């Protein structure tokens, strides 16, 4: 979920409903190769760096560095996505038969 309003309110200061003049859209940037897990919440004005990975359910309140893996509420850096032990294998190992 992307939040595009820093101060979401249904009513203006005078008590009436807000109009387009009462708020402004704040852009969020997701750089090339970044991945966002399901149910993550990205607040307005945040930049998610190239190749970064945002964990499922994370709440991103600050910019995410390129190639960072972040998770949690608020999202915190866990490690660098370029480290070899965190990359997927190029091929799945062959399935082994299991016999009772």
Protein backbone atom coordinates (compact mmCIF):
# COMPACT_ATOMS: atom_id res chain seq x y z
CA UNK A 1 0.00 0.00 0.00
CA UNK A 2 1.35 3.39 -0.98
CA UNK A 3 0.38 6.39 1.14
CA UNK A 4 0.40 9.60 -0.95
CA UNK A 5 -0.70 12.14 1.68
CA UNK A 6 1.49 13.04 4.66
CA UNK A 7 -1.43 14.34 6.74
CA UNK A 8 -4.59 12.42 5.74
CA UNK A 9 -7.77 13.99 7.08
CA UNK A 10 -11.35 13.86 5.85
CA UNK A 11 -12.21 17.34 7.10
CA UNK A 12 -10.54 20.73 6.78
CA UNK A 13 -9.67 22.99 9.73
CA UNK A 14 -13.12 24.62 9.59
CA UNK A 15 -14.92 21.29 9.90
CA UNK A 16 -16.07 20.97 6.28
CA UNK A 17 -15.00 18.22 3.91
CA UNK A 18 -11.58 18.60 2.36
CA UNK A 19 -11.30 19.51 -1.30
CA UNK A 20 -8.40 19.08 -3.71
CA UNK A 21 -7.09 22.47 -2.56
CA UNK A 22 -6.67 21.17 1.02
CA UNK A 23 -4.03 18.55 0.29
CA UNK A 24 -1.12 17.77 -1.98
CA UNK A 25 0.13 14.49 -3.39
CA UNK A 26 3.65 13.57 -2.25
CA UNK A 27 5.45 11.29 -4.74
CA UNK A 28 7.11 8.01 -3.78
CA UNK A 29 9.97 6.60 -5.89
CA UNK A 30 10.67 2.90 -6.42
CA UNK A 31 13.95 2.44 -8.29
CA UNK A 32 14.63 -0.26 -10.88
CA UNK A 33 14.88 -3.83 -9.61
CA UNK A 34 13.38 -3.12 -6.18
CA UNK A 35 10.90 -5.68 -4.77
CA UNK A 36 8.09 -4.96 -2.35
CA UNK A 37 6.56 -7.78 -0.30
CA UNK A 38 2.82 -8.22 0.05
CA UNK A 39 0.97 -6.00 2.51
CA UNK A 40 3.93 -3.63 2.91
CA UNK A 41 3.02 -0.01 3.62
CA UNK A 42 5.16 2.68 1.98
CA UNK A 43 4.71 6.19 3.39
CA UNK A 44 4.65 9.30 1.20
CA UNK A 45 7.92 10.79 -0.01
CA UNK A 46 10.03 7.65 0.49
CA UNK A 47 12.64 6.49 -2.05
CA UNK A 48 13.22 2.73 -2.35
CA UNK A 49 16.65 2.19 -3.87
CA UNK A 50 17.59 0.04 -6.86
CA UNK A 51 17.62 -3.67 -6.10
CA UNK A 52 16.25 -3.19 -2.57
CA UNK A 53 13.89 -5.72 -1.01
CA UNK A 54 11.07 -4.70 1.34
CA UNK A 55 9.76 -7.57 3.46
CA UNK A 56 6.08 -8.51 3.56
CA UNK A 57 4.11 -6.43 6.05
CA UNK A 58 6.91 -3.90 6.54
CA UNK A 59 6.06 -0.26 7.25
CA UNK A 60 8.58 1.88 5.36
CA UNK A 61 8.85 5.32 6.99
CA UNK A 62 12.30 6.33 5.65
CA UNK A 63 14.30 5.96 2.45
CA UNK A 64 15.65 2.47 1.71
CA UNK A 65 19.23 2.28 0.41
CA UNK A 66 20.02 0.53 -2.85
CA UNK A 67 20.33 -3.26 -2.43
CA UNK A 68 19.16 -3.17 1.20
CA UNK A 69 16.85 -5.80 2.66
CA UNK A 70 14.45 -4.17 5.12
CA UNK A 71 11.63 -5.57 7.27
CA UNK A 72 9.58 -4.76 10.34
CA UNK A 73 7.49 -1.94 11.75
CA UNK A 74 9.13 0.45 11.23
CA UNK A 75 11.22 -1.15 8.48
CA UNK A 76 14.85 -1.53 9.49
CA UNK A 77 17.83 -2.66 7.39
CA UNK A 78 18.70 -6.34 7.87
CA UNK A 79 21.45 -6.97 5.34
CA UNK A 80 22.72 -6.30 1.83
CA UNK A 81 20.87 -8.16 -0.94
CA UNK A 82 24.08 -8.55 -2.99
CA UNK A 83 25.77 -10.89 -0.51
CA UNK A 84 26.06 -14.33 -2.16
CA UNK A 85 24.50 -16.27 0.73
CA UNK A 86 21.25 -14.34 0.19
CA UNK A 87 20.95 -14.90 -3.55
CA UNK A 88 18.72 -17.60 -4.99
CA UNK A 89 20.41 -20.65 -6.44
CA UNK A 90 20.44 -20.71 -10.24
CA UNK A 91 18.90 -24.18 -10.33
CA UNK A 92 16.87 -26.17 -7.86
CA UNK A 93 18.54 -29.32 -6.57
CA UNK A 94 16.99 -32.52 -7.92
CA UNK A 95 14.07 -33.88 -5.93
CA UNK A 96 14.86 -36.90 -3.80
CA UNK A 97 12.48 -39.81 -3.49
CA UNK A 98 11.24 -40.46 0.00
CA UNK A 99 10.34 -44.04 0.92
CA UNK A 100 8.68 -45.13 4.14
